Amino acid sequence: MTTTLEVRAPYDGALLDTMNVSTATEIEAALELAYRLYRDRKAWIPKPERIAILRRAAGLTRARREELALQVALESGKPLRDALIEVDRGIDGIELSAECLRHEAGHVVPMDTNITSAGRVAFTQMEPIGVVLAISAFNHPFNLVIHQVAPAVAAGAPVIVKPSPKTPLSCRSIIEIFREAGLLEGWAQMLLPLDLDVVQTMVSDPRVAFLTFIGSASVGWKLRSHLAPGARCALEHGGSAPVIVAADADLGQAVTRLGRAGFWHAGQACVSVQRVFCDNSVLDDVVHGLSRVADTMITGDPSKIETEVGPLITHAEVARVADWVSRSGAQVATGGKRLGDSTYSNTVLLNADPEADVSRLEVFGPVICVYGYDDIDSALARANSLPFSFQASVFTSHLDTAMKCYRHLDGTAIMVNEHPLFRVDWMPFAGARYSGLGTGGIPHTLREMQVEKMLVWRSEALN
């Protein structure tokens, strides 16, 4: 059995650290400690103290911004310029969690409106749901963990985090920051099991009240089926983000925004631009424009500030993307080749086979597929033909076209003249159908980690 894990940089394979793999004994101890803290209501962290801890954690993160960003770049391959933004988002997410505690609470339930409710008042308050188990992904190793840990701290729920084994260093840093900010031992813990069966055992433990999972759909749906009765979950999977480019779109803005949103972090984002449906009257211009963006972006060492596109997370992923492109049946407008063991060229494909993997599945690589259409209804039908439903977008200058796409595109968020990768951390961020379950975003995650508990008070003085 493997007892240690080597954490290596995806770009050049450099050894970053060696970490211990969590044992069954350690997992049991972590669950028991978290559950004991939750069951002891006298030990719950008062709201003012939670706010203070979150604010101190934000300050500590801000002071270490550059070193944390470099760690993100090295362990995940995200270019340093984007890793800095990721850490800034993490700071904002911590502060937002504290703000939510100041402004969001329960509500008054109307009473005294009929004979049954006469002489009564009722209101609700929020309590932590219980032990939170957070399973995170590699592509945003700092901000994704913040989205799971900071709301749990705000809710007053003990949280156990299992980061991706490819990127555990950022998670460890976050736990250390919260500990340094005053969060007592047991309220935020990190575990690093490698065996999926062990993870499944953790998920099914009746002491787990809420599962927050960010990762592949096949794993997420399987884990959900093993939750104990009464446990809730939020699943964030992936998509195959569709974009409609109408004949009247401002192409100067559209191609730049779409190109950068398709190749950002080498396409390793759940709402990365992947399928672009263009009116045939502008198809050539869009393909040429996207190709120019692809060819001018700098691919290379993610630790260098000038790099715009880094490596894929593993060499196997580079091989998979290369295989999918080779079998796409598409005209390769640009790219379509490996640049090395860890990097793949920014690639624009024209009219890929609708049955090819690049057209049906989430590529999770620097590949944008462009398809022509004559009738927007057919484009909408093709955009909606997959089981994914997440974020989508339309580029147009016509109000009715925008509203038609908003009405008919499958998705939980439709962007107009903006790419589907757009996100701020206070908005709802949710995959539907195969793409996930529940709603992310700091305020929404905080609510899901709480229980609304009602008090009904009958008093003769109210009659």
Protein backbone atom coordinates (compact mmCIF):
# COMPACT_ATOMS: atom_id res chain seq x y z
CA MET A 1 0.00 0.00 0.00
CA THR A 2 1.27 3.47 -0.91
CA THR A 3 2.07 5.47 2.22
CA THR A 4 3.53 8.62 0.65
CA LEU A 5 2.60 10.78 -2.32
CA GLU A 6 5.07 12.70 -4.45
CA VAL A 7 3.65 16.02 -5.59
CA ARG A 8 5.27 16.95 -8.90
CA ALA A 9 4.95 19.99 -11.15
CA PRO A 10 2.97 19.06 -14.27
CA TYR A 11 5.16 21.28 -16.47
CA ASP A 12 8.58 19.74 -15.87
CA GLY A 13 8.01 16.96 -13.34
CA ALA A 14 9.99 18.71 -10.61
CA LEU A 15 9.38 17.27 -7.14
CA LEU A 16 7.54 19.90 -5.09
CA ASP A 17 6.91 17.95 -1.90
CA THR A 18 6.20 14.53 -0.45
CA MET A 19 3.05 14.04 1.61
CA ASN A 20 1.70 11.21 3.72
CA VAL A 21 -1.30 9.29 2.47
CA SER A 22 -4.08 9.20 5.07
CA THR A 23 -4.58 5.88 6.82
CA ALA A 24 -7.88 4.34 7.86
CA THR A 25 -7.01 5.17 11.48
CA GLU A 26 -6.40 8.84 10.63
CA ILE A 27 -9.65 9.04 8.66
CA GLU A 28 -11.64 7.58 11.56
CA ALA A 29 -9.98 9.96 14.01
CA ALA A 30 -10.78 12.97 11.80
CA LEU A 31 -14.42 11.99 11.41
CA GLU A 32 -14.81 11.30 15.10
CA LEU A 33 -13.25 14.62 16.10
CA ALA A 34 -15.37 16.60 13.65
CA TYR A 35 -18.56 14.84 14.70
CA ARG A 36 -17.79 15.29 18.40
CA LEU A 37 -17.29 19.03 17.88
CA TYR A 38 -20.59 19.30 16.03
CA ARG A 39 -22.53 17.33 18.65
CA ASP A 40 -21.23 19.47 21.51
CA ARG A 41 -23.33 22.59 21.05
CA LYS A 42 -21.52 24.32 23.88
CA ALA A 43 -18.35 24.08 21.78
CA TRP A 44 -19.86 25.76 18.73
CA ILE A 45 -17.91 28.82 17.62
CA PRO A 46 -19.87 32.03 18.30
CA LYS A 47 -20.70 34.09 15.22
CA PRO A 48 -18.50 37.09 16.19
CA GLU A 49 -15.55 34.75 16.56
CA ARG A 50 -16.23 33.12 13.19
CA ILE A 51 -16.28 36.55 11.56
CA ALA A 52 -13.00 37.46 13.27
CA ILE A 53 -11.35 34.20 12.15
CA LEU A 54 -12.44 34.74 8.55
CA ARG A 55 -11.15 38.30 8.54
CA ARG A 56 -7.79 37.25 9.99
CA ALA A 57 -7.55 34.43 7.43
CA ALA A 58 -8.17 36.91 4.62
CA GLY A 59 -5.43 39.16 5.98
CA LEU A 60 -2.94 36.30 6.27
CA THR A 61 -3.74 35.17 2.72
CA ARG A 62 -3.27 38.72 1.40
CA ALA A 63 0.12 38.94 3.09
CA ARG A 64 1.23 35.68 1.39
CA ARG A 65 -0.37 36.36 -1.99
CA GLU A 66 2.74 35.94 -4.14
CA GLU A 67 4.02 32.75 -2.52
CA LEU A 68 0.56 31.16 -2.58
CA ALA A 69 0.14 32.08 -6.26
CA LEU A 70 3.51 30.59 -7.17
CA GLN A 71 2.51 27.41 -5.36
CA VAL A 72 -0.71 27.27 -7.42
CA ALA A 73 1.29 27.79 -10.62
CA LEU A 74 3.80 25.09 -9.80
CA GLU A 75 1.42 22.37 -8.60
CA SER A 76 -1.45 22.92 -11.07
CA GLY A 77 0.30 24.40 -14.11
CA LYS A 78 -1.89 27.49 -14.09
CA PRO A 79 0.08 30.49 -15.40
CA LEU A 80 1.34 32.73 -12.62
CA ARG A 81 -0.63 35.74 -13.87
CA ASP A 82 -3.84 33.73 -13.49
CA ALA A 83 -2.72 32.12 -10.23
CA LEU A 84 -2.38 35.60 -8.72
CA ILE A 85 -5.97 36.30 -9.73
CA GLU A 86 -7.04 32.98 -8.22
CA VAL A 87 -5.53 33.89 -4.86
CA ASP A 88 -7.17 37.32 -5.03
CA ARG A 89 -10.50 35.58 -5.63
CA GLY A 90 -9.81 33.38 -2.65
CA ILE A 91 -9.26 36.41 -0.44
CA ASP A 92 -12.51 37.90 -1.70
CA GLY A 93 -14.29 34.61 -1.03
CA ILE A 94 -13.11 34.54 2.58
CA GLU A 95 -14.21 38.13 3.13
CA LEU A 96 -17.54 37.45 1.40
CA SER A 97 -18.17 34.55 3.79
CA ALA A 98 -17.78 36.93 6.72
CA GLU A 99 -20.03 39.54 5.08
CA CYS A 100 -22.77 36.96 4.57
CA LEU A 101 -22.85 36.32 8.30
CA ARG A 102 -23.49 40.00 8.91
CA HIS A 103 -26.28 40.34 6.38
CA GLU A 104 -28.04 36.98 5.97
CA ALA A 105 -30.11 35.23 8.63
CA GLY A 106 -33.42 33.46 9.15
CA HIS A 107 -36.81 35.12 8.76
CA VAL A 108 -40.09 35.78 10.52
CA VAL A 109 -42.83 33.25 9.77
CA PRO A 110 -46.28 34.92 9.67
CA MET A 111 -48.55 33.96 12.56
CA ASP A 112 -51.73 35.39 14.08
CA THR A 113 -53.36 35.31 10.66
CA ASN A 114 -56.16 32.85 11.48
CA ILE A 115 -57.64 31.00 14.45
CA THR A 116 -55.00 28.26 14.38
CA SER A 117 -52.06 30.67 14.46
CA ALA A 118 -53.55 33.21 16.87
CA GLY A 119 -51.48 34.09 19.91
CA ARG A 120 -48.23 32.87 18.41
CA VAL A 121 -45.03 34.27 16.94
CA ALA A 122 -42.51 32.32 14.90
CA PHE A 123 -39.09 32.92 13.43
CA THR A 124 -36.17 30.94 12.07
CA GLN A 125 -32.45 31.00 12.71
CA MET A 126 -29.60 29.23 10.97
CA GLU A 127 -27.61 26.37 12.47
CA PRO A 128 -24.74 24.33 10.97
CA ILE A 129 -25.89 21.25 9.08
CA GLY A 130 -23.23 19.02 10.64
CA VAL A 131 -19.94 17.58 9.42
CA VAL A 132 -19.05 18.76 5.91
CA LEU A 133 -16.97 16.51 3.65
CA ALA A 134 -15.37 18.50 0.84
CA ILE A 135 -13.82 16.76 -2.16
CA SER A 136 -12.01 19.16 -4.47
CA ALA A 137 -10.45 19.25 -7.95
CA PHE A 138 -7.02 20.12 -9.34
CA ASN A 139 -7.79 22.93 -11.76
CA HIS A 140 -8.31 25.74 -9.21
CA PRO A 141 -6.54 24.24 -6.20
CA PHE A 142 -6.73 27.36 -4.03
CA ASN A 143 -10.07 28.97 -4.86
CA LEU A 144 -12.10 25.76 -5.03
CA VAL A 145 -10.98 24.77 -1.53
CA ILE A 146 -11.76 28.29 -0.32
CA HIS A 147 -15.28 27.86 -1.73
CA GLN A 148 -15.67 24.76 0.41
CA VAL A 149 -13.82 25.72 3.60
CA ALA A 150 -14.70 29.41 4.08
CA PRO A 151 -18.50 28.88 3.94
CA ALA A 152 -18.16 25.92 6.32
CA VAL A 153 -16.25 28.07 8.79
CA ALA A 154 -18.88 30.79 8.39
CA ALA A 155 -21.67 28.27 8.95
CA GLY A 156 -19.94 26.88 12.02
CA ALA A 157 -19.73 23.41 10.50
CA PRO A 158 -16.65 21.20 10.97
CA VAL A 159 -15.15 20.52 7.53
CA ILE A 160 -12.91 17.72 6.29
CA VAL A 161 -11.25 18.38 2.92
CA LYS A 162 -9.91 15.81 0.50
CA PRO A 163 -8.03 17.75 -2.18
CA SER A 164 -6.97 16.37 -5.52
CA PRO A 165 -3.85 14.24 -5.02
CA LYS A 166 -2.36 16.19 -7.95
CA THR A 167 -2.66 19.52 -6.08
CA PRO A 168 -2.75 19.07 -2.29
CA LEU A 169 -0.29 21.82 -1.38
CA SER A 170 -2.71 24.74 -1.72
CA CYS A 171 -5.25 22.92 0.44
CA ARG A 172 -2.66 22.33 3.13
CA SER A 173 -1.76 26.02 3.05
CA ILE A 174 -5.40 27.02 3.47
CA ILE A 175 -5.88 24.75 6.49
CA GLU A 176 -2.70 26.17 8.02
CA ILE A 177 -3.87 29.75 7.41
CA PHE A 178 -7.21 29.12 9.12
CA ARG A 179 -5.45 27.44 12.03
CA GLU A 180 -3.13 30.43 12.34
CA ALA A 181 -6.18 32.72 12.16
CA GLY A 182 -7.53 31.11 15.33
CA LEU A 183 -9.65 28.19 14.09
CA LEU A 184 -9.26 25.44 16.66
CA GLU A 185 -8.08 21.97 15.72
CA GLY A 186 -10.79 19.76 14.27
CA TRP A 187 -12.91 22.49 12.69
CA ALA A 188 -10.99 22.26 9.41
CA GLN A 189 -8.99 19.13 8.61
CA MET A 190 -7.32 17.77 5.49
CA LEU A 191 -7.22 14.09 4.56
CA LEU A 192 -5.40 12.58 1.61
CA PRO A 193 -6.63 9.05 0.83
CA LEU A 194 -5.80 7.80 -2.67
CA ASP A 195 -8.14 4.83 -2.99
CA LEU A 196 -11.62 5.60 -4.36
CA ASP A 197 -13.11 2.84 -2.22
CA VAL A 198 -11.75 4.59 0.89
CA VAL A 199 -13.23 7.89 -0.30
CA GLN A 200 -16.54 6.12 -0.89
CA THR A 201 -16.43 4.80 2.68
CA MET A 202 -15.92 8.35 3.96
CA VAL A 203 -18.85 9.63 1.91
CA SER A 204 -21.16 6.91 3.19
CA ASP A 205 -20.29 7.50 6.84
CA PRO A 206 -23.47 8.51 8.73
CA ARG A 207 -21.51 11.25 10.54
CA VAL A 208 -21.23 13.16 7.24
CA ALA A 209 -24.16 15.56 6.88
CA PHE A 210 -23.13 17.41 3.71
CA LEU A 211 -20.95 16.42 0.75
CA THR A 212 -19.53 19.11 -1.49
CA PHE A 213 -17.88 17.50 -4.51
CA ILE A 214 -16.03 19.19 -7.38
CA GLY A 215 -14.78 16.80 -10.05
CA SER A 216 -15.82 14.36 -12.75
CA ALA A 217 -19.47 13.48 -13.27
CA SER A 218 -18.87 9.73 -13.22
CA VAL A 219 -17.26 9.89 -9.77
CA GLY A 220 -19.65 12.52 -8.38
CA TRP A 221 -22.86 10.70 -9.22
CA LYS A 222 -21.42 7.44 -7.90
CA LEU A 223 -20.45 9.02 -4.59
CA ARG A 224 -23.87 10.66 -4.23
CA SER A 225 -25.51 7.22 -4.41
CA HIS A 226 -23.57 6.19 -1.29
CA LEU A 227 -24.60 9.06 0.98
CA ALA A 228 -26.20 8.13 4.28
CA PRO A 229 -29.95 8.82 4.65
CA GLY A 230 -30.58 12.50 5.29
CA ALA A 231 -27.19 13.68 4.05
CA ARG A 232 -27.30 16.49 1.50
CA CYS A 233 -24.87 17.20 -1.30
CA ALA A 234 -23.74 19.66 -3.93
CA LEU A 235 -22.05 18.31 -7.04
CA GLU A 236 -20.11 20.46 -9.50
CA HIS A 237 -19.11 18.54 -12.59
CA GLY A 238 -18.32 19.77 -16.06
CA GLY A 239 -19.93 20.83 -19.27
CA SER A 240 -19.35 21.40 -22.95
CA ALA A 241 -20.06 25.10 -23.01
CA PRO A 242 -22.02 26.15 -26.12
CA VAL A 243 -21.73 29.61 -27.66
CA ILE A 244 -23.91 31.14 -30.37
CA VAL A 245 -22.30 33.79 -32.57
CA ALA A 246 -25.00 35.57 -34.59
CA ALA A 247 -24.43 37.33 -37.91
CA ASP A 248 -24.71 40.74 -36.23
CA ALA A 249 -22.19 40.02 -33.43
CA ASP A 250 -19.33 42.41 -32.72
CA LEU A 251 -16.63 40.00 -33.88
CA GLY A 252 -13.77 42.16 -32.67
CA GLN A 253 -14.91 41.61 -29.09
CA ALA A 254 -16.32 38.13 -29.56
CA VAL A 255 -13.26 36.35 -30.95
CA THR A 256 -10.85 37.84 -28.40
CA ARG A 257 -13.06 36.98 -25.44
CA LEU A 258 -13.92 33.52 -26.74
CA GLY A 259 -10.36 32.65 -27.66
CA ARG A 260 -8.91 33.58 -24.31
CA ALA A 261 -11.78 31.82 -22.49
CA GLY A 262 -11.15 28.66 -24.49
CA PHE A 263 -7.39 28.53 -24.00
CA TRP A 264 -7.27 29.92 -20.43
CA HIS A 265 -5.58 27.38 -18.13
CA ALA A 266 -5.17 25.19 -21.22
CA GLY A 267 -8.94 24.71 -21.37
CA GLN A 268 -9.06 23.02 -17.97
CA ALA A 269 -12.20 24.67 -16.64
CA CYS A 270 -15.72 23.27 -16.31
CA VAL A 271 -17.29 26.09 -18.37
CA SER A 272 -14.38 26.67 -20.75
CA VAL A 273 -15.39 27.70 -24.29
CA GLN A 274 -15.57 24.50 -26.33
CA ARG A 275 -18.40 24.55 -28.91
CA VAL A 276 -18.95 27.72 -30.93
CA PHE A 277 -21.87 27.79 -33.37
CA CYS A 278 -21.44 30.59 -35.93
CA ASP A 279 -23.76 31.97 -38.55
CA ASN A 280 -22.18 30.91 -41.84
CA SER A 281 -21.93 34.53 -42.95
CA VAL A 282 -19.31 35.17 -40.24
CA LEU A 283 -17.86 31.66 -39.91
CA ASP A 284 -14.58 32.33 -41.71
CA ASP A 285 -13.98 35.55 -39.78
CA VAL A 286 -14.57 33.80 -36.47
CA VAL A 287 -12.28 30.90 -37.33
CA HIS A 288 -9.52 33.23 -38.48
CA GLY A 289 -9.96 35.45 -35.43
CA LEU A 290 -9.84 32.56 -32.99
CA SER A 291 -6.79 31.19 -34.78
CA ARG A 292 -5.00 34.52 -34.38
CA VAL A 293 -5.73 34.50 -30.65
CA ALA A 294 -4.54 30.88 -30.42
CA ASP A 295 -1.29 31.60 -32.25
CA THR A 296 -0.38 34.73 -30.29
CA MET A 297 -0.86 33.35 -26.77
CA ILE A 298 2.38 32.23 -25.12
CA THR A 299 2.48 28.61 -23.98
CA GLY A 300 5.19 27.50 -21.58
CA ASP A 301 6.50 27.55 -18.03
CA PRO A 302 3.61 28.55 -15.73
CA SER A 303 5.95 30.10 -13.17
CA LYS A 304 6.91 32.86 -15.62
CA ILE A 305 4.68 35.94 -15.58
CA GLU A 306 4.67 36.25 -19.38
CA THR A 307 3.20 32.75 -19.88
CA GLU A 308 -0.49 32.76 -20.87
CA VAL A 309 -1.11 29.01 -21.30
CA GLY A 310 0.52 26.35 -19.18
CA PRO A 311 0.66 22.54 -19.28
CA LEU A 312 -2.12 20.03 -18.96
CA ILE A 313 -2.20 18.38 -15.56
CA THR A 314 -0.60 15.07 -16.72
CA HIS A 315 1.17 13.67 -19.75
CA ALA A 316 -1.73 11.23 -20.14
CA GLU A 317 -4.09 14.17 -20.59
CA VAL A 318 -1.90 15.55 -23.37
CA ALA A 319 -2.05 12.15 -25.09
CA ARG A 320 -5.84 11.99 -24.68
CA VAL A 321 -6.42 15.46 -26.15
CA ALA A 322 -4.11 14.64 -29.07
CA ASP A 323 -6.06 11.43 -29.70
CA TRP A 324 -9.43 13.20 -29.61
CA VAL A 325 -8.24 15.85 -32.09
CA SER A 326 -6.80 13.23 -34.44
CA ARG A 327 -10.17 11.44 -34.53
CA SER A 328 -12.32 14.59 -34.73
CA GLY A 329 -12.91 14.52 -38.47
CA ALA A 330 -12.43 18.30 -38.40
CA GLN A 331 -10.45 20.74 -40.45
CA VAL A 332 -7.62 21.94 -38.21
CA ALA A 333 -7.53 25.72 -38.57
CA THR A 334 -4.54 26.02 -36.22
CA GLY A 335 -2.70 23.93 -33.67
CA GLY A 336 -3.55 20.26 -33.46
CA LYS A 337 -0.16 19.11 -32.21
CA ARG A 338 1.81 18.41 -29.07
CA LEU A 339 4.34 21.00 -28.05
CA GLY A 340 6.01 18.64 -25.58
CA ASP A 341 5.22 15.93 -23.08
CA SER A 342 3.20 18.33 -20.91
CA THR A 343 1.84 20.95 -23.32
CA TYR A 344 -0.54 20.95 -26.27
CA SER A 345 -0.96 23.67 -28.85
CA ASN A 346 -3.95 26.00 -28.77
CA THR A 347 -6.22 24.39 -31.34
CA VAL A 348 -9.17 25.58 -33.43
CA LEU A 349 -11.20 22.89 -35.21
CA LEU A 350 -13.77 23.58 -37.95
CA ASN A 351 -16.88 21.43 -38.31
CA ALA A 352 -15.79 18.43 -36.25
CA ASP A 353 -17.85 15.28 -36.62
CA PRO A 354 -20.92 15.66 -34.34
CA GLU A 355 -20.27 12.13 -33.04
CA ALA A 356 -16.59 12.72 -32.27
CA ASP A 357 -15.42 12.95 -28.66
CA VAL A 358 -14.51 16.64 -29.09
CA SER A 359 -18.13 17.34 -30.03
CA ARG A 360 -19.86 15.16 -27.43
CA LEU A 361 -17.65 15.24 -24.33
CA GLU A 362 -15.84 17.79 -22.21
CA VAL A 363 -12.42 18.23 -23.83
CA PHE A 364 -10.70 19.81 -20.80
CA GLY A 365 -7.87 20.89 -23.06
CA PRO A 366 -6.97 23.92 -25.23
CA VAL A 367 -9.37 23.05 -28.04
CA ILE A 368 -12.22 25.14 -29.49
CA CYS A 369 -14.62 23.54 -31.97
CA VAL A 370 -16.38 25.86 -34.43
CA TYR A 371 -19.47 24.84 -36.40
CA GLY A 372 -21.36 26.77 -39.06
CA TYR A 373 -25.14 27.20 -39.17
CA ASP A 374 -27.68 28.78 -41.51
CA ASP A 375 -30.63 28.74 -39.12
CA ILE A 376 -30.31 29.72 -35.46
CA ASP A 377 -32.96 27.18 -34.42
CA SER A 378 -30.76 24.39 -35.72
CA ALA A 379 -27.80 25.87 -33.83
CA LEU A 380 -29.82 25.93 -30.62
CA ALA A 381 -30.88 22.32 -31.15
CA ARG A 382 -27.26 21.27 -31.63
CA ALA A 383 -26.14 23.29 -28.62
CA ASN A 384 -28.76 21.52 -26.49
CA SER A 385 -28.09 18.04 -27.87
CA LEU A 386 -25.76 16.95 -25.06
CA PRO A 387 -26.69 15.90 -21.50
CA PHE A 388 -24.71 18.80 -20.00
CA SER A 389 -26.37 21.97 -18.74
CA PHE A 390 -24.20 24.63 -17.17
CA GLN A 391 -23.23 28.05 -18.54
CA ALA A 392 -23.70 29.13 -22.17
CA SER A 393 -23.50 32.37 -24.12
CA VAL A 394 -24.61 34.29 -27.18
CA PHE A 395 -22.92 37.14 -29.04
CA THR A 396 -25.35 39.41 -30.86
CA SER A 397 -26.33 43.07 -31.29
CA HIS A 398 -30.03 42.24 -31.55
CA LEU A 399 -32.18 42.18 -28.42
CA ASP A 400 -34.61 39.58 -29.76
CA THR A 401 -31.77 37.22 -30.71
CA ALA A 402 -30.33 37.53 -27.22
CA MET A 403 -33.70 36.84 -25.61
CA LYS A 404 -34.40 33.92 -27.94
CA CYS A 405 -31.11 32.31 -26.91
CA TYR A 406 -31.76 33.06 -23.25
CA ARG A 407 -35.13 31.33 -23.53
CA HIS A 408 -34.03 28.32 -25.57
CA LEU A 409 -30.44 27.52 -24.57
CA ASP A 410 -30.12 24.81 -21.93
CA GLY A 411 -28.16 26.18 -19.01
CA THR A 412 -28.35 27.63 -15.55
CA ALA A 413 -26.71 30.89 -16.65
CA ILE A 414 -26.75 32.46 -20.12
CA MET A 415 -24.25 35.22 -20.92
CA VAL A 416 -24.92 37.87 -23.57
CA ASN A 417 -21.82 39.26 -25.31
CA GLU A 418 -19.72 37.51 -22.67
CA HIS A 419 -18.02 34.13 -22.66
CA PRO A 420 -19.46 31.24 -20.59
CA LEU A 421 -16.34 31.11 -18.43
CA PHE A 422 -17.45 34.33 -16.70
CA ARG A 423 -17.96 34.05 -12.96
CA VAL A 424 -17.95 36.15 -9.82
CA ASP A 425 -18.07 34.34 -6.53
CA TRP A 426 -21.30 35.77 -5.14
CA MET A 427 -23.44 34.74 -8.12
CA PRO A 428 -25.16 31.33 -8.30
CA PHE A 429 -22.96 28.83 -10.12
CA ALA A 430 -24.75 25.58 -10.81
CA GLY A 431 -24.60 22.64 -13.14
CA ALA A 432 -27.85 20.88 -13.98
CA ARG A 433 -28.62 17.48 -15.47
CA TYR A 434 -25.33 15.61 -15.94
CA SER A 435 -23.34 18.74 -15.03
CA GLY A 436 -24.17 18.71 -11.35
CA LEU A 437 -26.58 19.24 -8.49
CA GLY A 438 -27.12 22.13 -6.10
CA THR A 439 -25.85 25.68 -6.32
CA GLY A 440 -22.35 27.01 -5.75
CA GLY A 441 -21.20 30.53 -5.05
CA ILE A 442 -20.24 31.63 -1.55
CA PRO A 443 -23.67 32.81 -0.28
CA HIS A 444 -25.45 29.83 -1.82
CA THR A 445 -22.96 27.30 -0.47
CA LEU A 446 -23.21 28.88 2.99
CA ARG A 447 -26.99 28.41 2.95
CA GLU A 448 -26.65 24.77 1.87
CA MET A 449 -24.30 24.13 4.80
CA GLN A 450 -26.91 25.32 7.27
CA VAL A 451 -30.27 24.18 8.57
CA GLU A 452 -33.08 26.69 9.03
CA LYS A 453 -34.47 25.99 12.48
CA MET A 454 -37.84 27.43 13.50
CA LEU A 455 -39.12 28.50 16.88
CA VAL A 456 -42.88 28.82 17.48
CA TRP A 457 -43.87 30.64 20.68
CA ARG A 458 -47.41 30.65 22.01
CA SER A 459 -48.26 33.33 24.56
CA GLU A 460 -51.52 34.28 26.18
CA ALA A 461 -50.24 37.85 26.20
CA LEU A 462 -50.61 37.91 22.42
CA ASN A 463 -54.36 37.16 22.53
